[in-house]
C-alpha atoms as a PDB file:
ATOM      1  CA  UNK A   1    -119.655  96.501 -20.809  1.00  0.00           C
ATOM      2  CA  UNK A   2    -123.283  96.072 -21.895  1.00  0.00           C
ATOM      3  CA  UNK A   3    -124.709  97.964 -18.902  1.00  0.00           C
ATOM      4  CA  UNK A   4    -122.019 100.660 -19.249  1.00  0.00           C
ATOM      5  CA  UNK A   5    -122.895 100.889 -22.947  1.00  0.00           C
ATOM      6  CA  UNK A   6    -126.571 101.310 -21.995  1.00  0.00           C
ATOM      7  CA  UNK A   7    -125.652 104.037 -19.502  1.00  0.00           C
ATOM      8  CA  UNK A   8    -123.528 105.931 -22.069  1.00  0.00           C
ATOM      9  CA  UNK A   9    -126.316 105.502 -24.630  1.00  0.00           C
ATOM     10  CA  UNK A  10    -128.941 106.838 -22.215  1.00  0.00           C
ATOM     11  CA  UNK A  11    -126.932 109.954 -21.388  1.00  0.00           C
ATOM     12  CA  UNK A  12    -126.012 110.581 -25.024  1.00  0.00           C
ATOM     13  CA  UNK A  13    -129.576 110.276 -26.312  1.00  0.00           C
ATOM     14  CA  UNK A  14    -131.423 111.863 -23.380  1.00  0.00           C
ATOM     15  CA  UNK A  15    -128.868 114.387 -22.145  1.00  0.00           C
ATOM     16  CA  UNK A  16    -128.577 115.187 -18.454  1.00  0.00           C
ATOM     17  CA  UNK A  17    -130.524 112.563 -16.514  1.00  0.00           C
ATOM     18  CA  UNK A  18    -131.796 112.528 -12.924  1.00  0.00           C
ATOM     19  CA  UNK A  19    -130.266 109.907 -10.595  1.00  0.00           C
ATOM     20  CA  UNK A  20    -133.587 108.120 -10.157  1.00  0.00           C
ATOM     21  CA  UNK A  21    -133.921 107.600 -13.904  1.00  0.00           C
ATOM     22  CA  UNK A  22    -130.471 106.133 -14.534  1.00  0.00           C
ATOM     23  CA  UNK A  23    -130.333 102.721 -16.232  1.00  0.00           C
ATOM     24  CA  UNK A  24    -127.535 101.604 -13.890  1.00  0.00           C
ATOM     25  CA  UNK A  25    -126.185 103.549 -10.935  1.00  0.00           C
ATOM     26  CA  UNK A  26    -123.197 101.211 -10.417  1.00  0.00           C
ATOM     27  CA  UNK A  27    -122.215 101.665 -14.078  1.00  0.00           C
ATOM     28  CA  UNK A  28    -122.791 105.412 -13.747  1.00  0.00           C
ATOM     29  CA  UNK A  29    -120.358 105.411 -10.810  1.00  0.00           C
ATOM     30  CA  UNK A  30    -117.845 103.433 -12.883  1.00  0.00           C
ATOM     31  CA  UNK A  31    -118.260 105.973 -15.705  1.00  0.00           C
ATOM     32  CA  UNK A  32    -117.600 108.817 -13.256  1.00  0.00           C
ATOM     33  CA  UNK A  33    -114.384 107.108 -12.100  1.00  0.00           C
ATOM     34  CA  UNK A  34    -113.352 106.609 -15.743  1.00  0.00           C
ATOM     35  CA  UNK A  35    -113.938 110.293 -16.550  1.00  0.00           C
ATOM     36  CA  UNK A  36    -116.798 109.553 -18.968  1.00  0.00           C
ATOM     37  CA  UNK A  37    -119.639 110.886 -16.814  1.00  0.00           C
ATOM     38  CA  UNK A  38    -119.929 113.880 -14.526  1.00  0.00           C
ATOM     39  CA  UNK A  39    -122.631 114.534 -11.970  1.00  0.00           C
ATOM     40  CA  UNK A  40    -123.928 117.255  -9.660  1.00  0.00           C
ATOM     41  CA  UNK A  41    -127.136 118.179  -7.860  1.00  0.00           C
ATOM     42  CA  UNK A  42    -128.656 114.764  -8.648  1.00  0.00           C
ATOM     43  CA  UNK A  43    -128.076 115.006 -12.429  1.00  0.00           C
ATOM     44  CA  UNK A  44    -125.656 113.017 -14.612  1.00  0.00           C
ATOM     45  CA  UNK A  45    -124.205 113.880 -18.033  1.00  0.00           C
ATOM     46  CA  UNK A  46    -121.434 112.828 -20.366  1.00  0.00           C
ATOM     47  CA  UNK A  47    -118.063 114.520 -20.298  1.00  0.00           C
ATOM     48  CA  UNK A  48    -116.224 115.337 -23.523  1.00  0.00           C
ATOM     49  CA  UNK A  49    -114.583 111.897 -23.288  1.00  0.00           C
ATOM     50  CA  UNK A  50    -117.995 110.295 -22.789  1.00  0.00           C
ATOM     51  CA  UNK A  51    -119.415 112.019 -25.862  1.00  0.00           C
ATOM     52  CA  UNK A  52    -116.371 110.949 -27.873  1.00  0.00           C
ATOM     53  CA  UNK A  53    -116.933 107.334 -26.770  1.00  0.00           C
ATOM     54  CA  UNK A  54    -120.642 107.546 -27.647  1.00  0.00           C
ATOM     55  CA  UNK A  55    -119.719 108.752 -31.134  1.00  0.00           C
ATOM     56  CA  UNK A  56    -117.190 105.917 -31.512  1.00  0.00           C
ATOM     57  CA  UNK A  57    -119.912 103.457 -30.499  1.00  0.00           C
ATOM     58  CA  UNK A  58    -122.092 104.773 -33.328  1.00  0.00           C
ATOM     59  CA  UNK A  59    -124.802 106.460 -31.278  1.00  0.00           C
ATOM     60  CA  UNK A  60    -124.778 109.650 -33.393  1.00  0.00           C
ATOM     61  CA  UNK A  61    -127.122 108.126 -35.958  1.00  0.00           C
ATOM     62  CA  UNK A  62    -129.756 107.621 -33.252  1.00  0.00           C
ATOM     63  CA  UNK A  63    -129.734 111.210 -31.978  1.00  0.00           C
ATOM     64  CA  UNK A  64    -132.699 113.273 -33.176  1.00  0.00           C
END
């Protein structure tokens, strides 16, 4: 879960992120299968469910 947490954190803090800059592509793929991450045209971003999870994990306080 640590790498998945890092992937969710990255997308929550940084917003849409290019494939080449992802912390973990395997965890990104797992997040896509779980409905937490969506992707198109080489970019990745959190779905509504992914944002909800990020908020539950307490990442809102880090967002500037």
